[in-house]
PDB file of N, CA and C in Angstrom:
ATOM      1  N   UNK A   1     -33.336 -32.579 -10.305  1.00  0.00           N
ATOM      2  CA  UNK A   1     -34.122 -31.402 -10.584  1.00  0.00           C
ATOM      3  C   UNK A   1     -33.181 -30.214 -10.747  1.00  0.00           C
ATOM      4  N   UNK A   2     -33.262 -29.552 -11.833  1.00  0.00           N
ATOM      5  CA  UNK A   2     -32.434 -28.377 -12.090  1.00  0.00           C
ATOM      6  C   UNK A   2     -33.031 -27.172 -11.379  1.00  0.00           C
ATOM      7  N   UNK A   3     -32.163 -26.335 -10.840  1.00  0.00           N
ATOM      8  CA  UNK A   3     -32.595 -25.130 -10.142  1.00  0.00           C
ATOM      9  C   UNK A   3     -31.896 -23.945 -10.781  1.00  0.00           C
ATOM     10  N   UNK A   4     -32.647 -22.909 -11.010  1.00  0.00           N
ATOM     11  CA  UNK A   4     -32.080 -21.677 -11.534  1.00  0.00           C
ATOM     12  C   UNK A   4     -32.224 -20.629 -10.449  1.00  0.00           C
ATOM     13  N   UNK A   5     -31.145 -19.876 -10.219  1.00  0.00           N
ATOM     14  CA  UNK A   5     -31.190 -18.872  -9.150  1.00  0.00           C
ATOM     15  C   UNK A   5     -30.582 -17.571  -9.632  1.00  0.00           C
ATOM     16  N   UNK A   6     -31.248 -16.475  -9.320  1.00  0.00           N
ATOM     17  CA  UNK A   6     -30.706 -15.156  -9.608  1.00  0.00           C
ATOM     18  C   UNK A   6     -30.009 -14.677  -8.336  1.00  0.00           C
ATOM     19  N   UNK A   7     -28.691 -14.659  -8.352  1.00  0.00           N
ATOM     20  CA  UNK A   7     -27.920 -14.306  -7.163  1.00  0.00           C
ATOM     21  C   UNK A   7     -27.669 -12.817  -7.034  1.00  0.00           C
ATOM     22  N   UNK A   8     -27.898 -12.097  -8.094  1.00  0.00           N
ATOM     23  CA  UNK A   8     -27.543 -10.681  -8.091  1.00  0.00           C
ATOM     24  C   UNK A   8     -26.068 -10.540  -8.468  1.00  0.00           C
ATOM     25  N   UNK A   9     -25.681  -9.345  -8.828  1.00  0.00           N
ATOM     26  CA  UNK A   9     -24.335  -9.113  -9.349  1.00  0.00           C
ATOM     27  C   UNK A   9     -23.231  -9.429  -8.342  1.00  0.00           C
ATOM     28  N   UNK A  10     -23.416  -9.011  -7.101  1.00  0.00           N
ATOM     29  CA  UNK A  10     -22.350  -9.181  -6.101  1.00  0.00           C
ATOM     30  C   UNK A  10     -22.102 -10.657  -5.816  1.00  0.00           C
ATOM     31  N   UNK A  11     -23.165 -11.408  -5.535  1.00  0.00           N
ATOM     32  CA  UNK A  11     -22.991 -12.828  -5.232  1.00  0.00           C
ATOM     33  C   UNK A  11     -22.546 -13.616  -6.458  1.00  0.00           C
ATOM     34  N   UNK A  12     -23.080 -13.274  -7.612  1.00  0.00           N
ATOM     35  CA  UNK A  12     -22.665 -13.953  -8.853  1.00  0.00           C
ATOM     36  C   UNK A  12     -21.173 -13.753  -9.082  1.00  0.00           C
ATOM     37  N   UNK A  13     -20.695 -12.558  -8.874  1.00  0.00           N
ATOM     38  CA  UNK A  13     -19.269 -12.258  -9.029  1.00  0.00           C
ATOM     39  C   UNK A  13     -18.435 -13.048  -8.027  1.00  0.00           C
ATOM     40  N   UNK A  14     -18.924 -13.139  -6.804  1.00  0.00           N
ATOM     41  CA  UNK A  14     -18.213 -13.885  -5.766  1.00  0.00           C
ATOM     42  C   UNK A  14     -18.109 -15.362  -6.142  1.00  0.00           C
ATOM     43  N   UNK A  15     -19.221 -15.936  -6.580  1.00  0.00           N
ATOM     44  CA  UNK A  15     -19.229 -17.344  -6.985  1.00  0.00           C
ATOM     45  C   UNK A  15     -18.273 -17.555  -8.162  1.00  0.00           C
ATOM     46  N   UNK A  16     -18.294 -16.652  -9.122  1.00  0.00           N
ATOM     47  CA  UNK A  16     -17.400 -16.760 -10.281  1.00  0.00           C
ATOM     48  C   UNK A  16     -15.942 -16.723  -9.845  1.00  0.00           C
ATOM     49  N   UNK A  17     -15.612 -15.843  -8.904  1.00  0.00           N
ATOM     50  CA  UNK A  17     -14.226 -15.762  -8.400  1.00  0.00           C
ATOM     51  C   UNK A  17     -13.819 -17.042  -7.684  1.00  0.00           C
ATOM     52  N   UNK A  18     -14.728 -17.644  -6.926  1.00  0.00           N
ATOM     53  CA  UNK A  18     -14.402 -18.899  -6.240  1.00  0.00           C
ATOM     54  C   UNK A  18     -14.075 -20.004  -7.236  1.00  0.00           C
ATOM     55  N   UNK A  19     -14.866 -20.079  -8.304  1.00  0.00           N
ATOM     56  CA  UNK A  19     -14.616 -21.094  -9.331  1.00  0.00           C
ATOM     57  C   UNK A  19     -13.310 -20.786 -10.065  1.00  0.00           C
ATOM     58  N   UNK A  20     -13.088 -19.526 -10.413  1.00  0.00           N
ATOM     59  CA  UNK A  20     -11.874 -19.139 -11.137  1.00  0.00           C
ATOM     60  C   UNK A  20     -10.616 -19.404 -10.304  1.00  0.00           C
ATOM     61  N   UNK A  21     -10.739 -19.303  -8.977  1.00  0.00           N
ATOM     62  CA  UNK A  21      -9.576 -19.529  -8.114  1.00  0.00           C
ATOM     63  C   UNK A  21      -9.198 -21.007  -8.045  1.00  0.00           C
ATOM     64  N   UNK A  22     -10.104 -21.873  -8.486  1.00  0.00           N
ATOM     65  CA  UNK A  22      -9.841 -23.303  -8.423  1.00  0.00           C
ATOM     66  C   UNK A  22     -10.316 -23.930  -7.120  1.00  0.00           C
ATOM     67  N   UNK A  23     -10.821 -23.130  -6.230  1.00  0.00           N
ATOM     68  CA  UNK A  23     -11.315 -23.652  -4.948  1.00  0.00           C
ATOM     69  C   UNK A  23     -12.509 -24.582  -5.167  1.00  0.00           C
ATOM     70  N   UNK A  24     -13.347 -24.223  -6.121  1.00  0.00           N
ATOM     71  CA  UNK A  24     -14.497 -25.048  -6.502  1.00  0.00           C
ATOM     72  C   UNK A  24     -14.408 -25.311  -7.991  1.00  0.00           C
ATOM     73  N   UNK A  25     -14.997 -26.425  -8.428  1.00  0.00           N
ATOM     74  CA  UNK A  25     -14.925 -26.796  -9.840  1.00  0.00           C
ATOM     75  C   UNK A  25     -16.049 -26.193 -10.674  1.00  0.00           C
ATOM     76  N   UNK A  26     -17.142 -25.807 -10.016  1.00  0.00           N
ATOM     77  CA  UNK A  26     -18.272 -25.264 -10.765  1.00  0.00           C
ATOM     78  C   UNK A  26     -19.123 -24.382  -9.860  1.00  0.00           C
ATOM     79  N   UNK A  27     -19.970 -23.584 -10.489  1.00  0.00           N
ATOM     80  CA  UNK A  27     -20.899 -22.753  -9.725  1.00  0.00           C
ATOM     81  C   UNK A  27     -21.862 -23.630  -8.935  1.00  0.00           C
ATOM     82  N   UNK A  28     -22.257 -24.745  -9.520  1.00  0.00           N
ATOM     83  CA  UNK A  28     -23.166 -25.659  -8.824  1.00  0.00           C
ATOM     84  C   UNK A  28     -22.530 -26.188  -7.543  1.00  0.00           C
ATOM     85  N   UNK A  29     -21.248 -26.473  -7.600  1.00  0.00           N
ATOM     86  CA  UNK A  29     -20.547 -26.967  -6.412  1.00  0.00           C
ATOM     87  C   UNK A  29     -20.550 -25.906  -5.304  1.00  0.00           C
ATOM     88  N   UNK A  30     -20.346 -24.652  -5.673  1.00  0.00           N
ATOM     89  CA  UNK A  30     -20.384 -23.553  -4.702  1.00  0.00           C
ATOM     90  C   UNK A  30     -21.778 -23.472  -4.073  1.00  0.00           C
ATOM     91  N   UNK A  31     -22.804 -23.522  -4.893  1.00  0.00           N
ATOM     92  CA  UNK A  31     -24.172 -23.413  -4.383  1.00  0.00           C
ATOM     93  C   UNK A  31     -24.548 -24.605  -3.516  1.00  0.00           C
ATOM     94  N   UNK A  32     -24.108 -25.815  -3.883  1.00  0.00           N
ATOM     95  CA  UNK A  32     -24.384 -26.995  -3.056  1.00  0.00           C
ATOM     96  C   UNK A  32     -23.736 -26.843  -1.684  1.00  0.00           C
ATOM     97  N   UNK A  33     -22.501 -26.354  -1.659  1.00  0.00           N
ATOM     98  CA  UNK A  33     -21.810 -26.129  -0.390  1.00  0.00           C
ATOM     99  C   UNK A  33     -22.568 -25.098   0.454  1.00  0.00           C
ATOM    100  N   UNK A  34     -23.047 -24.048  -0.177  1.00  0.00           N
ATOM    101  CA  UNK A  34     -23.822 -23.041   0.545  1.00  0.00           C
ATOM    102  C   UNK A  34     -25.089 -23.616   1.146  1.00  0.00           C
ATOM    103  N   UNK A  35     -25.792 -24.433   0.395  1.00  0.00           N
ATOM    104  CA  UNK A  35     -27.026 -25.044   0.893  1.00  0.00           C
ATOM    105  C   UNK A  35     -26.709 -26.010   2.033  1.00  0.00           C
ATOM    106  N   UNK A  36     -25.612 -26.769   1.925  1.00  0.00           N
ATOM    107  CA  UNK A  36     -25.213 -27.670   3.021  1.00  0.00           C
ATOM    108  C   UNK A  36     -24.940 -26.882   4.304  1.00  0.00           C
ATOM    109  N   UNK A  37     -24.264 -25.740   4.168  1.00  0.00           N
ATOM    110  CA  UNK A  37     -23.989 -24.908   5.342  1.00  0.00           C
ATOM    111  C   UNK A  37     -25.281 -24.388   5.965  1.00  0.00           C
ATOM    112  N   UNK A  38     -26.235 -24.026   5.128  1.00  0.00           N
ATOM    113  CA  UNK A  38     -27.530 -23.570   5.645  1.00  0.00           C
ATOM    114  C   UNK A  38     -28.238 -24.715   6.368  1.00  0.00           C
ATOM    115  N   UNK A  39     -28.164 -25.930   5.814  1.00  0.00           N
ATOM    116  CA  UNK A  39     -28.775 -27.087   6.469  1.00  0.00           C
ATOM    117  C   UNK A  39     -28.163 -27.297   7.852  1.00  0.00           C
ATOM    118  N   UNK A  40     -26.848 -27.216   7.940  1.00  0.00           N
ATOM    119  CA  UNK A  40     -26.168 -27.394   9.230  1.00  0.00           C
ATOM    120  C   UNK A  40     -26.601 -26.312  10.218  1.00  0.00           C
ATOM    121  N   UNK A  41     -26.664 -25.065   9.768  1.00  0.00           N
ATOM    122  CA  UNK A  41     -27.071 -23.969  10.643  1.00  0.00           C
ATOM    123  C   UNK A  41     -28.506 -24.167  11.117  1.00  0.00           C
ATOM    124  N   UNK A  42     -29.393 -24.564  10.212  1.00  0.00           N
ATOM    125  CA  UNK A  42     -30.785 -24.790  10.588  1.00  0.00           C
ATOM    126  C   UNK A  42     -30.912 -25.921  11.609  1.00  0.00           C
ATOM    127  N   UNK A  43     -30.098 -26.966  11.458  1.00  0.00           N
ATOM    128  CA  UNK A  43     -30.120 -28.078  12.420  1.00  0.00           C
ATOM    129  C   UNK A  43     -29.644 -27.598  13.795  1.00  0.00           C
ATOM    130  N   UNK A  44     -28.585 -26.769  13.818  1.00  0.00           N
ATOM    131  CA  UNK A  44     -28.104 -26.225  15.097  1.00  0.00           C
ATOM    132  C   UNK A  44     -29.160 -25.321  15.734  1.00  0.00           C
ATOM    133  N   UNK A  45     -29.815 -24.502  14.927  1.00  0.00           N
ATOM    134  CA  UNK A  45     -30.867 -23.628  15.452  1.00  0.00           C
ATOM    135  C   UNK A  45     -32.047 -24.437  15.988  1.00  0.00           C
ATOM    136  N   UNK A  46     -32.410 -25.520  15.310  1.00  0.00           N
ATOM    137  CA  UNK A  46     -33.507 -26.373  15.782  1.00  0.00           C
ATOM    138  C   UNK A  46     -33.136 -27.015  17.116  1.00  0.00           C
ATOM    139  N   UNK A  47     -31.873 -27.461  17.246  1.00  0.00           N
ATOM    140  CA  UNK A  47     -31.427 -28.048  18.511  1.00  0.00           C
ATOM    141  C   UNK A  47     -31.443 -26.999  19.617  1.00  0.00           C
ATOM    142  N   UNK A  48     -31.034 -25.789  19.306  1.00  0.00           N
ATOM    143  CA  UNK A  48     -31.056 -24.708  20.287  1.00  0.00           C
ATOM    144  C   UNK A  48     -32.495 -24.383  20.701  1.00  0.00           C
ATOM    145  N   UNK A  49     -33.398 -24.312  19.725  1.00  0.00           N
ATOM    146  CA  UNK A  49     -34.813 -24.063  20.033  1.00  0.00           C
ATOM    147  C   UNK A  49     -35.370 -25.151  20.949  1.00  0.00           C
ATOM    148  N   UNK A  50     -35.002 -26.412  20.685  1.00  0.00           N
ATOM    149  CA  UNK A  50     -35.481 -27.520  21.517  1.00  0.00           C
ATOM    150  C   UNK A  50     -34.925 -27.408  22.934  1.00  0.00           C
ATOM    151  N   UNK A  51     -33.662 -27.021  23.058  1.00  0.00           N
ATOM    152  CA  UNK A  51     -33.056 -26.849  24.381  1.00  0.00           C
ATOM    153  C   UNK A  51     -33.735 -25.723  25.152  1.00  0.00           C
ATOM    154  N   UNK A  52     -34.011 -24.643  24.467  1.00  0.00           N
ATOM    155  CA  UNK A  52     -34.702 -23.515  25.112  1.00  0.00           C
ATOM    156  C   UNK A  52     -36.090 -23.945  25.562  1.00  0.00           C
ATOM    157  N   UNK A  53     -36.786 -24.679  24.711  1.00  0.00           N
ATOM    158  CA  UNK A  53     -38.129 -25.140  25.068  1.00  0.00           C
ATOM    159  C   UNK A  53     -38.077 -26.054  26.293  1.00  0.00           C
ATOM    160  N   UNK A  54     -37.080 -26.959  26.351  1.00  0.00           N
ATOM    161  CA  UNK A  54     -36.935 -27.827  27.523  1.00  0.00           C
ATOM    162  C   UNK A  54     -36.651 -27.004  28.773  1.00  0.00           C
ATOM    163  N   UNK A  55     -35.783 -26.004  28.633  1.00  0.00           N
ATOM    164  CA  UNK A  55     -35.457 -25.149  29.771  1.00  0.00           C
ATOM    165  C   UNK A  55     -36.668 -24.375  30.266  1.00  0.00           C
ATOM    166  N   UNK A  56     -37.440 -23.846  29.349  1.00  0.00           N
ATOM    167  CA  UNK A  56     -38.652 -23.113  29.734  1.00  0.00           C
ATOM    168  C   UNK A  56     -39.665 -24.047  30.396  1.00  0.00           C
ATOM    169  N   UNK A  57     -39.790 -25.260  29.867  1.00  0.00           N
ATOM    170  CA  UNK A  57     -40.716 -26.231  30.470  1.00  0.00           C
ATOM    171  C   UNK A  57     -40.257 -26.589  31.876  1.00  0.00           C
ATOM    172  N   UNK A  58     -38.943 -26.765  32.060  1.00  0.00           N
ATOM    173  CA  UNK A  58     -38.410 -27.047  33.401  1.00  0.00           C
ATOM    174  C   UNK A  58     -38.704 -25.892  34.348  1.00  0.00           C
ATOM    175  N   UNK A  59     -38.498 -24.670  33.874  1.00  0.00           N
ATOM    176  CA  UNK A  59     -38.761 -23.498  34.716  1.00  0.00           C
ATOM    177  C   UNK A  59     -40.242 -23.409  35.062  1.00  0.00           C
ATOM    178  N   UNK A  60     -41.100 -23.647  34.089  1.00  0.00           N
ATOM    179  CA  UNK A  60     -42.549 -23.602  34.336  1.00  0.00           C
ATOM    180  C   UNK A  60     -42.979 -24.668  35.336  1.00  0.00           C
ATOM    181  N   UNK A  61     -42.275 -25.816  35.320  1.00  0.00           N
ATOM    182  CA  UNK A  61     -42.616 -26.917  36.228  1.00  0.00           C
ATOM    183  C   UNK A  61     -41.933 -26.767  37.583  1.00  0.00           C
ATOM    184  N   UNK A  62     -41.147 -25.711  37.740  1.00  0.00           N
ATOM    185  CA  UNK A  62     -40.481 -25.485  39.019  1.00  0.00           C
ATOM    186  C   UNK A  62     -39.181 -26.251  39.192  1.00  0.00           C
ATOM    187  N   UNK A  63     -38.686 -26.850  38.134  1.00  0.00           N
ATOM    188  CA  UNK A  63     -37.420 -27.597  38.212  1.00  0.00           C
ATOM    189  C   UNK A  63     -36.263 -26.626  37.971  1.00  0.00           C
ATOM    190  N   UNK A  64     -35.992 -25.816  38.971  1.00  0.00           N
ATOM    191  CA  UNK A  64     -34.943 -24.798  38.873  1.00  0.00           C
ATOM    192  C   UNK A  64     -34.078 -24.827  40.130  1.00  0.00           C
ATOM    193  N   UNK A  65     -32.891 -24.235  40.028  1.00  0.00           N
ATOM    194  CA  UNK A  65     -31.987 -24.094  41.165  1.00  0.00           C
ATOM    195  C   UNK A  65     -31.617 -22.618  41.259  1.00  0.00           C
ATOM    196  N   UNK A  66     -31.324 -22.161  42.446  1.00  0.00           N
ATOM    197  CA  UNK A  66     -30.884 -20.771  42.577  1.00  0.00           C
ATOM    198  C   UNK A  66     -29.589 -20.551  41.794  1.00  0.00           C
ATOM    199  N   UNK A  67     -29.480 -19.378  41.176  1.00  0.00           N
ATOM    200  CA  UNK A  67     -28.287 -19.096  40.362  1.00  0.00           C
ATOM    201  C   UNK A  67     -27.016 -19.154  41.189  1.00  0.00           C
ATOM    202  N   UNK A  68     -27.071 -18.752  42.450  1.00  0.00           N
ATOM    203  CA  UNK A  68     -25.866 -18.792  43.286  1.00  0.00           C
ATOM    204  C   UNK A  68     -25.351 -20.217  43.434  1.00  0.00           C
ATOM    205  N   UNK A  69     -26.257 -21.181  43.542  1.00  0.00           N
ATOM    206  CA  UNK A  69     -25.861 -22.592  43.646  1.00  0.00           C
ATOM    207  C   UNK A  69     -25.188 -23.060  42.357  1.00  0.00           C
ATOM    208  N   UNK A  70     -25.757 -22.684  41.253  1.00  0.00           N
ATOM    209  CA  UNK A  70     -25.204 -23.082  39.956  1.00  0.00           C
ATOM    210  C   UNK A  70     -23.823 -22.455  39.755  1.00  0.00           C
ATOM    211  N   UNK A  71     -23.691 -21.164  40.034  1.00  0.00           N
ATOM    212  CA  UNK A  71     -22.411 -20.491  39.840  1.00  0.00           C
ATOM    213  C   UNK A  71     -21.353 -21.016  40.805  1.00  0.00           C
ATOM    214  N   UNK A  72     -21.745 -21.323  42.049  1.00  0.00           N
ATOM    215  CA  UNK A  72     -20.781 -21.893  43.001  1.00  0.00           C
ATOM    216  C   UNK A  72     -20.250 -23.224  42.491  1.00  0.00           C
ATOM    217  N   UNK A  73     -21.145 -24.066  41.948  1.00  0.00           N
ATOM    218  CA  UNK A  73     -20.728 -25.362  41.406  1.00  0.00           C
ATOM    219  C   UNK A  73     -19.796 -25.176  40.206  1.00  0.00           C
ATOM    220  N   UNK A  74     -20.117 -24.233  39.324  1.00  0.00           N
ATOM    221  CA  UNK A  74     -19.270 -23.979  38.156  1.00  0.00           C
ATOM    222  C   UNK A  74     -17.901 -23.448  38.569  1.00  0.00           C
ATOM    223  N   UNK A  75     -17.876 -22.544  39.551  1.00  0.00           N
ATOM    224  CA  UNK A  75     -16.602 -22.011  40.029  1.00  0.00           C
ATOM    225  C   UNK A  75     -15.751 -23.108  40.645  1.00  0.00           C
ATOM    226  N   UNK A  76     -16.363 -24.020  41.377  1.00  0.00           N
ATOM    227  CA  UNK A  76     -15.627 -25.142  41.979  1.00  0.00           C
ATOM    228  C   UNK A  76     -15.049 -26.049  40.898  1.00  0.00           C
ATOM    229  N   UNK A  77     -15.828 -26.329  39.866  1.00  0.00           N
ATOM    230  CA  UNK A  77     -15.326 -27.150  38.753  1.00  0.00           C
ATOM    231  C   UNK A  77     -14.158 -26.474  38.053  1.00  0.00           C
ATOM    232  N   UNK A  78     -14.277 -25.186  37.819  1.00  0.00           N
ATOM    233  CA  UNK A  78     -13.214 -24.448  37.161  1.00  0.00           C
ATOM    234  C   UNK A  78     -11.958 -24.417  38.023  1.00  0.00           C
ATOM    235  N   UNK A  79     -12.126 -24.210  39.312  1.00  0.00           N
ATOM    236  CA  UNK A  79     -10.972 -24.191  40.225  1.00  0.00           C
ATOM    237  C   UNK A  79     -10.282 -25.550  40.247  1.00  0.00           C
ATOM    238  N   UNK A  80     -11.074 -26.625  40.284  1.00  0.00           N
ATOM    239  CA  UNK A  80     -10.498 -27.964  40.280  1.00  0.00           C
ATOM    240  C   UNK A  80      -9.753 -28.248  38.979  1.00  0.00           C
ATOM    241  N   UNK A  81     -10.305 -27.765  37.891  1.00  0.00           N
ATOM    242  CA  UNK A  81      -9.683 -27.972  36.577  1.00  0.00           C
ATOM    243  C   UNK A  81      -8.354 -27.211  36.475  1.00  0.00           C
ATOM    244  N   UNK A  82      -8.316 -25.970  36.975  1.00  0.00           N
ATOM    245  CA  UNK A  82      -7.079 -25.193  36.891  1.00  0.00           C
ATOM    246  C   UNK A  82      -6.037 -25.703  37.872  1.00  0.00           C
ATOM    247  N   UNK A  83      -6.437 -26.342  38.971  1.00  0.00           N
ATOM    248  CA  UNK A  83      -5.487 -26.927  39.929  1.00  0.00           C
ATOM    249  C   UNK A  83      -4.766 -28.125  39.341  1.00  0.00           C
ATOM    250  N   UNK A  84      -5.407 -28.822  38.406  1.00  0.00           N
ATOM    251  CA  UNK A  84      -4.822 -30.028  37.815  1.00  0.00           C
ATOM    252  C   UNK A  84      -3.981 -29.760  36.593  1.00  0.00           C
ATOM    253  N   UNK A  85      -3.924 -28.517  36.114  1.00  0.00           N
ATOM    254  CA  UNK A  85      -3.147 -28.249  34.901  1.00  0.00           C
ATOM    255  C   UNK A  85      -1.850 -27.569  35.213  1.00  0.00           C
TER     256      UNK A  85
END
């Protein structure tokens, strides 16, 4: 399926410069790379949203620990890690 896109002058110029530099072989290649990057970002955002939802569900269900306990455990891990290096 062919897609036509109006990028505007600034983005069109940028894409043209990328192709002219030899970094990409065509404008289509630049646009495909851009869409792939957006797909990756959207997947990361979806994973983050799912993690937040799990965390909120845990908090709503009372599955929480005091922050002091969590920070003490993290500080101990960090101290142990720096002692071994």
